[in-house]
PDB file of N, CA and C in Angstrom:
ATOM      1  N   MET A   1     -12.342   5.281  -5.880  1.00  0.00           N
ATOM      2  CA  MET A   1     -11.567   4.596  -4.878  1.00  0.00           C
ATOM      3  C   MET A   1     -10.702   5.589  -4.082  1.00  0.00           C
ATOM      4  N   ILE A   2     -10.114   6.562  -4.766  1.00  0.00           N
ATOM      5  CA  ILE A   2      -9.284   7.563  -4.095  1.00  0.00           C
ATOM      6  C   ILE A   2     -10.117   8.348  -3.089  1.00  0.00           C
ATOM      7  N   LYS A   3     -11.292   8.761  -3.508  1.00  0.00           N
ATOM      8  CA  LYS A   3     -12.180   9.514  -2.621  1.00  0.00           C
ATOM      9  C   LYS A   3     -12.558   8.680  -1.398  1.00  0.00           C
ATOM     10  N   LEU A   4     -12.840   7.398  -1.600  1.00  0.00           N
ATOM     11  CA  LEU A   4     -13.201   6.507  -0.500  1.00  0.00           C
ATOM     12  C   LEU A   4     -12.075   6.428   0.535  1.00  0.00           C
ATOM     13  N   PHE A   5     -10.845   6.198   0.064  1.00  0.00           N
ATOM     14  CA  PHE A   5      -9.721   6.090   0.998  1.00  0.00           C
ATOM     15  C   PHE A   5      -9.461   7.404   1.722  1.00  0.00           C
ATOM     16  N   ALA A   6      -9.575   8.518   1.017  1.00  0.00           N
ATOM     17  CA  ALA A   6      -9.377   9.829   1.650  1.00  0.00           C
ATOM     18  C   ALA A   6     -10.430  10.053   2.739  1.00  0.00           C
ATOM     19  N   GLU A   7     -11.674   9.680   2.458  1.00  0.00           N
ATOM     20  CA  GLU A   7     -12.743   9.837   3.438  1.00  0.00           C
ATOM     21  C   GLU A   7     -12.556   8.917   4.641  1.00  0.00           C
ATOM     22  N   LEU A   8     -12.160   7.671   4.380  1.00  0.00           N
ATOM     23  CA  LEU A   8     -11.922   6.727   5.479  1.00  0.00           C
ATOM     24  C   LEU A   8     -10.794   7.214   6.385  1.00  0.00           C
ATOM     25  N   LYS A   9      -9.761   7.771   5.769  1.00  0.00           N
ATOM     26  CA  LYS A   9      -8.639   8.305   6.543  1.00  0.00           C
ATOM     27  C   LYS A   9      -9.119   9.432   7.452  1.00  0.00           C
ATOM     28  N   MET A  10      -9.879  10.366   6.887  1.00  0.00           N
ATOM     29  CA  MET A  10     -10.381  11.493   7.675  1.00  0.00           C
ATOM     30  C   MET A  10     -11.323  11.035   8.783  1.00  0.00           C
ATOM     31  N   ARG A  11     -12.248  10.176   8.447  1.00  0.00           N
ATOM     32  CA  ARG A  11     -13.279   9.754   9.395  1.00  0.00           C
ATOM     33  C   ARG A  11     -12.707   8.924  10.546  1.00  0.00           C
ATOM     34  N   HIS A  12     -11.722   8.047  10.226  1.00  0.00           N
ATOM     35  CA  HIS A  12     -11.247   7.095  11.232  1.00  0.00           C
ATOM     36  C   HIS A  12      -9.797   7.311  11.659  1.00  0.00           C
ATOM     37  N   GLY A  13      -9.142   8.329  11.107  1.00  0.00           N
ATOM     38  CA  GLY A  13      -7.761   8.599  11.478  1.00  0.00           C
ATOM     39  C   GLY A  13      -6.792   7.507  11.073  1.00  0.00           C
ATOM     40  N   LEU A  14      -7.064   6.863   9.948  1.00  0.00           N
ATOM     41  CA  LEU A  14      -6.225   5.758   9.491  1.00  0.00           C
ATOM     42  C   LEU A  14      -4.902   6.244   8.915  1.00  0.00           C
ATOM     43  N   LYS A  15      -3.904   5.384   8.968  1.00  0.00           N
ATOM     44  CA  LYS A  15      -2.671   5.598   8.213  1.00  0.00           C
ATOM     45  C   LYS A  15      -2.863   4.906   6.875  1.00  0.00           C
ATOM     46  N   ILE A  16      -2.486   5.577   5.812  1.00  0.00           N
ATOM     47  CA  ILE A  16      -2.573   4.997   4.470  1.00  0.00           C
ATOM     48  C   ILE A  16      -1.145   4.854   3.948  1.00  0.00           C
ATOM     49  N   VAL A  17      -0.777   3.620   3.598  1.00  0.00           N
ATOM     50  CA  VAL A  17       0.546   3.326   3.061  1.00  0.00           C
ATOM     51  C   VAL A  17       0.362   2.625   1.727  1.00  0.00           C
ATOM     52  N   VAL A  18       1.077   3.076   0.720  1.00  0.00           N
ATOM     53  CA  VAL A  18       1.023   2.461  -0.608  1.00  0.00           C
ATOM     54  C   VAL A  18       2.319   1.687  -0.824  1.00  0.00           C
ATOM     55  N   VAL A  19       2.191   0.397  -1.157  1.00  0.00           N
ATOM     56  CA  VAL A  19       3.330  -0.455  -1.492  1.00  0.00           C
ATOM     57  C   VAL A  19       3.226  -0.758  -2.980  1.00  0.00           C
ATOM     58  N   SER A  20       4.263  -0.401  -3.728  1.00  0.00           N
ATOM     59  CA  SER A  20       4.165  -0.450  -5.181  1.00  0.00           C
ATOM     60  C   SER A  20       5.438  -0.990  -5.829  1.00  0.00           C
ATOM     61  N   ASN A  21       5.265  -1.668  -6.960  1.00  0.00           N
ATOM     62  CA  ASN A  21       6.387  -2.134  -7.773  1.00  0.00           C
ATOM     63  C   ASN A  21       6.601  -1.253  -8.999  1.00  0.00           C
ATOM     64  N   GLU A  22       5.999  -0.108  -9.046  1.00  0.00           N
ATOM     65  CA  GLU A  22       6.113   0.754 -10.223  1.00  0.00           C
ATOM     66  C   GLU A  22       7.505   1.346 -10.362  1.00  0.00           C
ATOM     67  N   GLY A  23       7.838   1.702 -11.588  1.00  0.00           N
ATOM     68  CA  GLY A  23       9.079   2.402 -11.860  1.00  0.00           C
ATOM     69  C   GLY A  23       9.014   3.828 -11.346  1.00  0.00           C
ATOM     70  N   ARG A  24      10.166   4.445 -11.206  1.00  0.00           N
ATOM     71  CA  ARG A  24      10.284   5.783 -10.620  1.00  0.00           C
ATOM     72  C   ARG A  24       9.415   6.825 -11.314  1.00  0.00           C
ATOM     73  N   GLU A  25       9.492   6.898 -12.636  1.00  0.00           N
ATOM     74  CA  GLU A  25       8.757   7.942 -13.364  1.00  0.00           C
ATOM     75  C   GLU A  25       7.248   7.754 -13.252  1.00  0.00           C
ATOM     76  N   LEU A  26       6.773   6.512 -13.443  1.00  0.00           N
ATOM     77  CA  LEU A  26       5.337   6.243 -13.341  1.00  0.00           C
ATOM     78  C   LEU A  26       4.853   6.492 -11.917  1.00  0.00           C
ATOM     79  N   ASN A  27       5.634   6.095 -10.961  1.00  0.00           N
ATOM     80  CA  ASN A  27       5.292   6.286  -9.558  1.00  0.00           C
ATOM     81  C   ASN A  27       5.113   7.768  -9.252  1.00  0.00           C
ATOM     82  N   GLU A  28       6.081   8.574  -9.612  1.00  0.00           N
ATOM     83  CA  GLU A  28       6.006  10.011  -9.353  1.00  0.00           C
ATOM     84  C   GLU A  28       4.860  10.662 -10.126  1.00  0.00           C
ATOM     85  N   TYR A  29       4.646  10.212 -11.371  1.00  0.00           N
ATOM     86  CA  TYR A  29       3.556  10.752 -12.183  1.00  0.00           C
ATOM     87  C   TYR A  29       2.204  10.504 -11.515  1.00  0.00           C
ATOM     88  N   ARG A  30       1.952   9.280 -11.072  1.00  0.00           N
ATOM     89  CA  ARG A  30       0.658   8.952 -10.464  1.00  0.00           C
ATOM     90  C   ARG A  30       0.440   9.685  -9.147  1.00  0.00           C
ATOM     91  N   ILE A  31       1.493   9.826  -8.372  1.00  0.00           N
ATOM     92  CA  ILE A  31       1.368  10.556  -7.106  1.00  0.00           C
ATOM     93  C   ILE A  31       0.930  11.990  -7.382  1.00  0.00           C
ATOM     94  N   GLN A  32       1.555  12.621  -8.366  1.00  0.00           N
ATOM     95  CA  GLN A  32       1.208  14.007  -8.701  1.00  0.00           C
ATOM     96  C   GLN A  32      -0.148  14.101  -9.386  1.00  0.00           C
ATOM     97  N   LYS A  33      -0.382  13.264 -10.397  1.00  0.00           N
ATOM     98  CA  LYS A  33      -1.614  13.333 -11.194  1.00  0.00           C
ATOM     99  C   LYS A  33      -2.859  13.146 -10.335  1.00  0.00           C
ATOM    100  N   TYR A  34      -2.825  12.163  -9.439  1.00  0.00           N
ATOM    101  CA  TYR A  34      -3.999  11.845  -8.629  1.00  0.00           C
ATOM    102  C   TYR A  34      -3.926  12.443  -7.221  1.00  0.00           C
ATOM    103  N   LYS A  35      -2.911  13.286  -6.992  1.00  0.00           N
ATOM    104  CA  LYS A  35      -2.755  13.976  -5.705  1.00  0.00           C
ATOM    105  C   LYS A  35      -2.763  12.998  -4.528  1.00  0.00           C
ATOM    106  N   LEU A  36      -2.093  11.881  -4.720  1.00  0.00           N
ATOM    107  CA  LEU A  36      -2.064  10.842  -3.697  1.00  0.00           C
ATOM    108  C   LEU A  36      -1.373  11.306  -2.425  1.00  0.00           C
ATOM    109  N   ASP A  37      -0.420  12.215  -2.570  1.00  0.00           N
ATOM    110  CA  ASP A  37       0.287  12.700  -1.389  1.00  0.00           C
ATOM    111  C   ASP A  37      -0.598  13.573  -0.500  1.00  0.00           C
ATOM    112  N   GLY A  38      -1.813  13.851  -0.953  1.00  0.00           N
ATOM    113  CA  GLY A  38      -2.768  14.605  -0.142  1.00  0.00           C
ATOM    114  C   GLY A  38      -3.395  13.777   0.965  1.00  0.00           C
ATOM    115  N   PHE A  39      -3.323  12.443   0.855  1.00  0.00           N
ATOM    116  CA  PHE A  39      -3.902  11.604   1.912  1.00  0.00           C
ATOM    117  C   PHE A  39      -3.069  10.376   2.240  1.00  0.00           C
ATOM    118  N   VAL A  40      -2.102  10.026   1.411  1.00  0.00           N
ATOM    119  CA  VAL A  40      -1.245   8.870   1.689  1.00  0.00           C
ATOM    120  C   VAL A  40      -0.119   9.315   2.610  1.00  0.00           C
ATOM    121  N   ASP A  41       0.101   8.539   3.675  1.00  0.00           N
ATOM    122  CA  ASP A  41       1.143   8.880   4.641  1.00  0.00           C
ATOM    123  C   ASP A  41       2.537   8.484   4.158  1.00  0.00           C
ATOM    124  N   PHE A  42       2.638   7.303   3.539  1.00  0.00           N
ATOM    125  CA  PHE A  42       3.930   6.789   3.080  1.00  0.00           C
ATOM    126  C   PHE A  42       3.766   6.063   1.763  1.00  0.00           C
ATOM    127  N   PHE A  43       4.770   6.176   0.921  1.00  0.00           N
ATOM    128  CA  PHE A  43       4.857   5.398  -0.312  1.00  0.00           C
ATOM    129  C   PHE A  43       6.073   4.493  -0.189  1.00  0.00           C
ATOM    130  N   ILE A  44       5.869   3.193  -0.239  1.00  0.00           N
ATOM    131  CA  ILE A  44       6.966   2.241  -0.221  1.00  0.00           C
ATOM    132  C   ILE A  44       7.041   1.688  -1.647  1.00  0.00           C
ATOM    133  N   SER A  45       7.936   2.246  -2.430  1.00  0.00           N
ATOM    134  CA  SER A  45       8.021   1.921  -3.852  1.00  0.00           C
ATOM    135  C   SER A  45       9.301   1.149  -4.126  1.00  0.00           C
ATOM    136  N   SER A  46       9.167   0.036  -4.815  1.00  0.00           N
ATOM    137  CA  SER A  46      10.323  -0.821  -5.067  1.00  0.00           C
ATOM    138  C   SER A  46      11.450  -0.079  -5.776  1.00  0.00           C
ATOM    139  N   CYS A  47      11.114   0.909  -6.585  1.00  0.00           N
ATOM    140  CA  CYS A  47      12.142   1.667  -7.296  1.00  0.00           C
ATOM    141  C   CYS A  47      13.024   2.465  -6.341  1.00  0.00           C
ATOM    142  N   PHE A  48      12.558   2.710  -5.132  1.00  0.00           N
ATOM    143  CA  PHE A  48      13.342   3.448  -4.143  1.00  0.00           C
ATOM    144  C   PHE A  48      13.949   2.544  -3.078  1.00  0.00           C
ATOM    145  N   VAL A  49      13.229   1.503  -2.663  1.00  0.00           N
ATOM    146  CA  VAL A  49      13.715   0.641  -1.578  1.00  0.00           C
ATOM    147  C   VAL A  49      14.438  -0.598  -2.087  1.00  0.00           C
ATOM    148  N   HIS A  50      14.366  -0.853  -3.381  1.00  0.00           N
ATOM    149  CA  HIS A  50      15.077  -1.958  -4.039  1.00  0.00           C
ATOM    150  C   HIS A  50      14.678  -3.338  -3.510  1.00  0.00           C
ATOM    151  N   ILE A  51      13.412  -3.442  -3.132  1.00  0.00           N
ATOM    152  CA  ILE A  51      12.775  -4.706  -2.770  1.00  0.00           C
ATOM    153  C   ILE A  51      11.456  -4.719  -3.520  1.00  0.00           C
ATOM    154  N   ARG A  52      11.098  -5.854  -4.108  1.00  0.00           N
ATOM    155  CA  ARG A  52       9.872  -5.922  -4.897  1.00  0.00           C
ATOM    156  C   ARG A  52       8.862  -6.864  -4.256  1.00  0.00           C
ATOM    157  N   LYS A  53       7.580  -6.499  -4.407  1.00  0.00           N
ATOM    158  CA  LYS A  53       6.531  -7.473  -4.081  1.00  0.00           C
ATOM    159  C   LYS A  53       6.727  -8.641  -5.045  1.00  0.00           C
ATOM    160  N   PRO A  54       6.596  -9.833  -4.657  1.00  0.00           N
ATOM    161  CA  PRO A  54       5.980 -10.383  -3.448  1.00  0.00           C
ATOM    162  C   PRO A  54       6.940 -10.639  -2.287  1.00  0.00           C
ATOM    163  N   ASP A  55       8.171 -10.158  -2.341  1.00  0.00           N
ATOM    164  CA  ASP A  55       9.119 -10.359  -1.248  1.00  0.00           C
ATOM    165  C   ASP A  55       8.524  -9.810   0.049  1.00  0.00           C
ATOM    166  N   ALA A  56       8.439 -10.649   1.061  1.00  0.00           N
ATOM    167  CA  ALA A  56       7.836 -10.250   2.337  1.00  0.00           C
ATOM    168  C   ALA A  56       8.574  -9.080   2.980  1.00  0.00           C
ATOM    169  N   ASP A  57       9.838  -8.884   2.635  1.00  0.00           N
ATOM    170  CA  ASP A  57      10.609  -7.788   3.229  1.00  0.00           C
ATOM    171  C   ASP A  57      10.036  -6.416   2.897  1.00  0.00           C
ATOM    172  N   ILE A  58       9.426  -6.266   1.718  1.00  0.00           N
ATOM    173  CA  ILE A  58       8.840  -4.962   1.383  1.00  0.00           C
ATOM    174  C   ILE A  58       7.635  -4.664   2.273  1.00  0.00           C
ATOM    175  N   PHE A  59       6.886  -5.706   2.622  1.00  0.00           N
ATOM    176  CA  PHE A  59       5.749  -5.522   3.523  1.00  0.00           C
ATOM    177  C   PHE A  59       6.243  -5.238   4.950  1.00  0.00           C
ATOM    178  N   ARG A  60       7.286  -5.951   5.371  1.00  0.00           N
ATOM    179  CA  ARG A  60       7.856  -5.696   6.696  1.00  0.00           C
ATOM    180  C   ARG A  60       8.409  -4.269   6.785  1.00  0.00           C
ATOM    181  N   PHE A  61       9.032  -3.829   5.694  1.00  0.00           N
ATOM    182  CA  PHE A  61       9.543  -2.464   5.624  1.00  0.00           C
ATOM    183  C   PHE A  61       8.400  -1.468   5.827  1.00  0.00           C
ATOM    184  N   ALA A  62       7.288  -1.687   5.140  1.00  0.00           N
ATOM    185  CA  ALA A  62       6.116  -0.809   5.274  1.00  0.00           C
ATOM    186  C   ALA A  62       5.577  -0.827   6.706  1.00  0.00           C
ATOM    187  N   LEU A  63       5.520  -1.998   7.318  1.00  0.00           N
ATOM    188  CA  LEU A  63       5.053  -2.099   8.708  1.00  0.00           C
ATOM    189  C   LEU A  63       5.974  -1.324   9.643  1.00  0.00           C
ATOM    190  N   ASP A  64       7.284  -1.453   9.432  1.00  0.00           N
ATOM    191  CA  ASP A  64       8.247  -0.743  10.276  1.00  0.00           C
ATOM    192  C   ASP A  64       8.123   0.769  10.124  1.00  0.00           C
ATOM    193  N   ILE A  65       8.003   1.242   8.891  1.00  0.00           N
ATOM    194  CA  ILE A  65       7.891   2.677   8.635  1.00  0.00           C
ATOM    195  C   ILE A  65       6.609   3.236   9.260  1.00  0.00           C
ATOM    196  N   ALA A  66       5.527   2.484   9.164  1.00  0.00           N
ATOM    197  CA  ALA A  66       4.234   2.928   9.706  1.00  0.00           C
ATOM    198  C   ALA A  66       4.117   2.706  11.215  1.00  0.00           C
ATOM    199  N   HIS A  67       5.058   1.955  11.803  1.00  0.00           N
ATOM    200  CA  HIS A  67       5.028   1.634  13.234  1.00  0.00           C
ATOM    201  C   HIS A  67       3.732   0.934  13.618  1.00  0.00           C
ATOM    202  N   VAL A  68       3.396  -0.110  12.864  1.00  0.00           N
ATOM    203  CA  VAL A  68       2.203  -0.902  13.160  1.00  0.00           C
ATOM    204  C   VAL A  68       2.545  -2.386  13.119  1.00  0.00           C
ATOM    205  N   GLU A  69       1.701  -3.169  13.756  1.00  0.00           N
ATOM    206  CA  GLU A  69       1.815  -4.626  13.736  1.00  0.00           C
ATOM    207  C   GLU A  69       0.873  -5.173  12.668  1.00  0.00           C
ATOM    208  N   THR A  70       1.116  -6.400  12.243  1.00  0.00           N
ATOM    209  CA  THR A  70       0.296  -6.987  11.172  1.00  0.00           C
ATOM    210  C   THR A  70      -1.178  -7.023  11.523  1.00  0.00           C
ATOM    211  N   GLN A  71      -1.520  -7.219  12.783  1.00  0.00           N
ATOM    212  CA  GLN A  71      -2.930  -7.296  13.169  1.00  0.00           C
ATOM    213  C   GLN A  71      -3.633  -5.942  13.104  1.00  0.00           C
ATOM    214  N   GLU A  72      -2.887  -4.873  12.885  1.00  0.00           N
ATOM    215  CA  GLU A  72      -3.468  -3.534  12.763  1.00  0.00           C
ATOM    216  C   GLU A  72      -3.668  -3.122  11.310  1.00  0.00           C
ATOM    217  N   VAL A  73      -3.425  -4.044  10.377  1.00  0.00           N
ATOM    218  CA  VAL A  73      -3.387  -3.714   8.950  1.00  0.00           C
ATOM    219  C   VAL A  73      -4.527  -4.383   8.194  1.00  0.00           C
ATOM    220  N   ILE A  74      -5.109  -3.629   7.296  1.00  0.00           N
ATOM    221  CA  ILE A  74      -5.970  -4.198   6.262  1.00  0.00           C
ATOM    222  C   ILE A  74      -5.217  -3.984   4.960  1.00  0.00           C
ATOM    223  N   TYR A  75      -4.875  -5.066   4.295  1.00  0.00           N
ATOM    224  CA  TYR A  75      -4.084  -5.000   3.071  1.00  0.00           C
ATOM    225  C   TYR A  75      -5.015  -5.175   1.878  1.00  0.00           C
ATOM    226  N   ILE A  76      -5.031  -4.209   0.987  1.00  0.00           N
ATOM    227  CA  ILE A  76      -5.887  -4.247  -0.201  1.00  0.00           C
ATOM    228  C   ILE A  76      -4.987  -4.319  -1.418  1.00  0.00           C
ATOM    229  N   GLU A  77      -5.247  -5.266  -2.286  1.00  0.00           N
ATOM    230  CA  GLU A  77      -4.377  -5.551  -3.433  1.00  0.00           C
ATOM    231  C   GLU A  77      -5.224  -5.741  -4.679  1.00  0.00           C
ATOM    232  N   ASN A  78      -4.640  -5.440  -5.842  1.00  0.00           N
ATOM    233  CA  ASN A  78      -5.381  -5.622  -7.089  1.00  0.00           C
ATOM    234  C   ASN A  78      -4.844  -6.760  -7.955  1.00  0.00           C
ATOM    235  N   THR A  79      -3.884  -7.525  -7.447  1.00  0.00           N
ATOM    236  CA  THR A  79      -3.415  -8.707  -8.177  1.00  0.00           C
ATOM    237  C   THR A  79      -3.488  -9.926  -7.259  1.00  0.00           C
ATOM    238  N   PRO A  80      -4.066 -11.018  -7.737  1.00  0.00           N
ATOM    239  CA  PRO A  80      -4.277 -12.198  -6.884  1.00  0.00           C
ATOM    240  C   PRO A  80      -3.002 -12.746  -6.246  1.00  0.00           C
ATOM    241  N   ILE A  81      -1.907 -12.819  -6.985  1.00  0.00           N
ATOM    242  CA  ILE A  81      -0.686 -13.404  -6.431  1.00  0.00           C
ATOM    243  C   ILE A  81      -0.136 -12.576  -5.277  1.00  0.00           C
ATOM    244  N   GLU A  82      -0.202 -11.262  -5.386  1.00  0.00           N
ATOM    245  CA  GLU A  82       0.288 -10.398  -4.307  1.00  0.00           C
ATOM    246  C   GLU A  82      -0.605 -10.527  -3.080  1.00  0.00           C
ATOM    247  N   CYS A  83      -1.893 -10.670  -3.302  1.00  0.00           N
ATOM    248  CA  CYS A  83      -2.829 -10.837  -2.189  1.00  0.00           C
ATOM    249  C   CYS A  83      -2.545 -12.159  -1.477  1.00  0.00           C
ATOM    250  N   GLN A  84      -2.303 -13.205  -2.235  1.00  0.00           N
ATOM    251  CA  GLN A  84      -1.972 -14.509  -1.650  1.00  0.00           C
ATOM    252  C   GLN A  84      -0.713 -14.412  -0.805  1.00  0.00           C
ATOM    253  N   ASN A  85       0.294 -13.733  -1.308  1.00  0.00           N
ATOM    254  CA  ASN A  85       1.542 -13.599  -0.566  1.00  0.00           C
ATOM    255  C   ASN A  85       1.334 -12.825   0.728  1.00  0.00           C
ATOM    256  N   ALA A  86       0.497 -11.821   0.700  1.00  0.00           N
ATOM    257  CA  ALA A  86       0.237 -11.024   1.899  1.00  0.00           C
ATOM    258  C   ALA A  86      -0.529 -11.835   2.939  1.00  0.00           C
ATOM    259  N   TRP A  87      -1.354 -12.801   2.500  1.00  0.00           N
ATOM    260  CA  TRP A  87      -2.107 -13.616   3.459  1.00  0.00           C
ATOM    261  C   TRP A  87      -1.174 -14.323   4.440  1.00  0.00           C
ATOM    262  N   GLY A  88       0.026 -14.638   3.991  1.00  0.00           N
ATOM    263  CA  GLY A  88       0.972 -15.303   4.877  1.00  0.00           C
ATOM    264  C   GLY A  88       1.582 -14.368   5.911  1.00  0.00           C
ATOM    265  N   LEU A  89       1.469 -13.070   5.704  1.00  0.00           N
ATOM    266  CA  LEU A  89       2.096 -12.091   6.589  1.00  0.00           C
ATOM    267  C   LEU A  89       1.064 -11.271   7.358  1.00  0.00           C
ATOM    268  N   MET A  90       0.050 -10.801   6.664  1.00  0.00           N
ATOM    269  CA  MET A  90      -0.964  -9.944   7.282  1.00  0.00           C
ATOM    270  C   MET A  90      -2.089 -10.799   7.860  1.00  0.00           C
ATOM    271  N   ASP A  91      -2.739 -10.287   8.888  1.00  0.00           N
ATOM    272  CA  ASP A  91      -3.879 -10.993   9.462  1.00  0.00           C
ATOM    273  C   ASP A  91      -5.101 -10.907   8.558  1.00  0.00           C
ATOM    274  N   TRP A  92      -5.193  -9.814   7.791  1.00  0.00           N
ATOM    275  CA  TRP A  92      -6.384  -9.628   6.974  1.00  0.00           C
ATOM    276  C   TRP A  92      -5.991  -8.940   5.677  1.00  0.00           C
ATOM    277  N   SER A  93      -6.318  -9.562   4.562  1.00  0.00           N
ATOM    278  CA  SER A  93      -6.078  -8.938   3.258  1.00  0.00           C
ATOM    279  C   SER A  93      -7.261  -9.215   2.356  1.00  0.00           C
ATOM    280  N   THR A  94      -7.431  -8.380   1.363  1.00  0.00           N
ATOM    281  CA  THR A  94      -8.523  -8.555   0.429  1.00  0.00           C
ATOM    282  C   THR A  94      -8.058  -8.204  -0.970  1.00  0.00           C
ATOM    283  N   LEU A  95      -8.671  -8.839  -1.926  1.00  0.00           N
ATOM    284  CA  LEU A  95      -8.365  -8.587  -3.331  1.00  0.00           C
ATOM    285  C   LEU A  95      -9.407  -7.635  -3.877  1.00  0.00           C
ATOM    286  N   HIS A  96      -8.957  -6.528  -4.457  1.00  0.00           N
ATOM    287  CA  HIS A  96      -9.853  -5.569  -5.099  1.00  0.00           C
ATOM    288  C   HIS A  96      -9.654  -5.700  -6.599  1.00  0.00           C
ATOM    289  N   THR A  97     -10.743  -5.930  -7.319  1.00  0.00           N
ATOM    290  CA  THR A  97     -10.661  -5.981  -8.782  1.00  0.00           C
ATOM    291  C   THR A  97     -11.506  -4.874  -9.353  1.00  0.00           C
ATOM    292  N   TYR A  98     -11.068  -4.366 -10.485  1.00  0.00           N
ATOM    293  CA  TYR A  98     -11.806  -3.302 -11.164  1.00  0.00           C
ATOM    294  C   TYR A  98     -12.904  -3.913 -12.001  1.00  0.00           C
ATOM    295  N   CYS A  99     -14.093  -3.369 -11.883  1.00  0.00           N
ATOM    296  CA  CYS A  99     -15.244  -3.888 -12.647  1.00  0.00           C
ATOM    297  C   CYS A  99     -15.413  -3.122 -13.944  1.00  0.00           C
TER     298      CYS A  99
END
């Protein structure tokens, strides 16, 4: 999945923003371990912004930081409830599950 997003970013010039509810230590560990900062433009992490998903404000914060409108976003989520909440804000969202 990481390789796919990195390739899509390169090929299409996409902005990649990660919105996460992880704690500070786990968040920093994953960014370093998987070299996410090599292709992710912004990390909007609840441990830093003090807003948690599913609060719509965290998504609005991400939109503001990225300088994009909802119709310019494809939101990919791995939990059904978060995907449902994003449907009310984003024009297009999808649920990704691990097989």
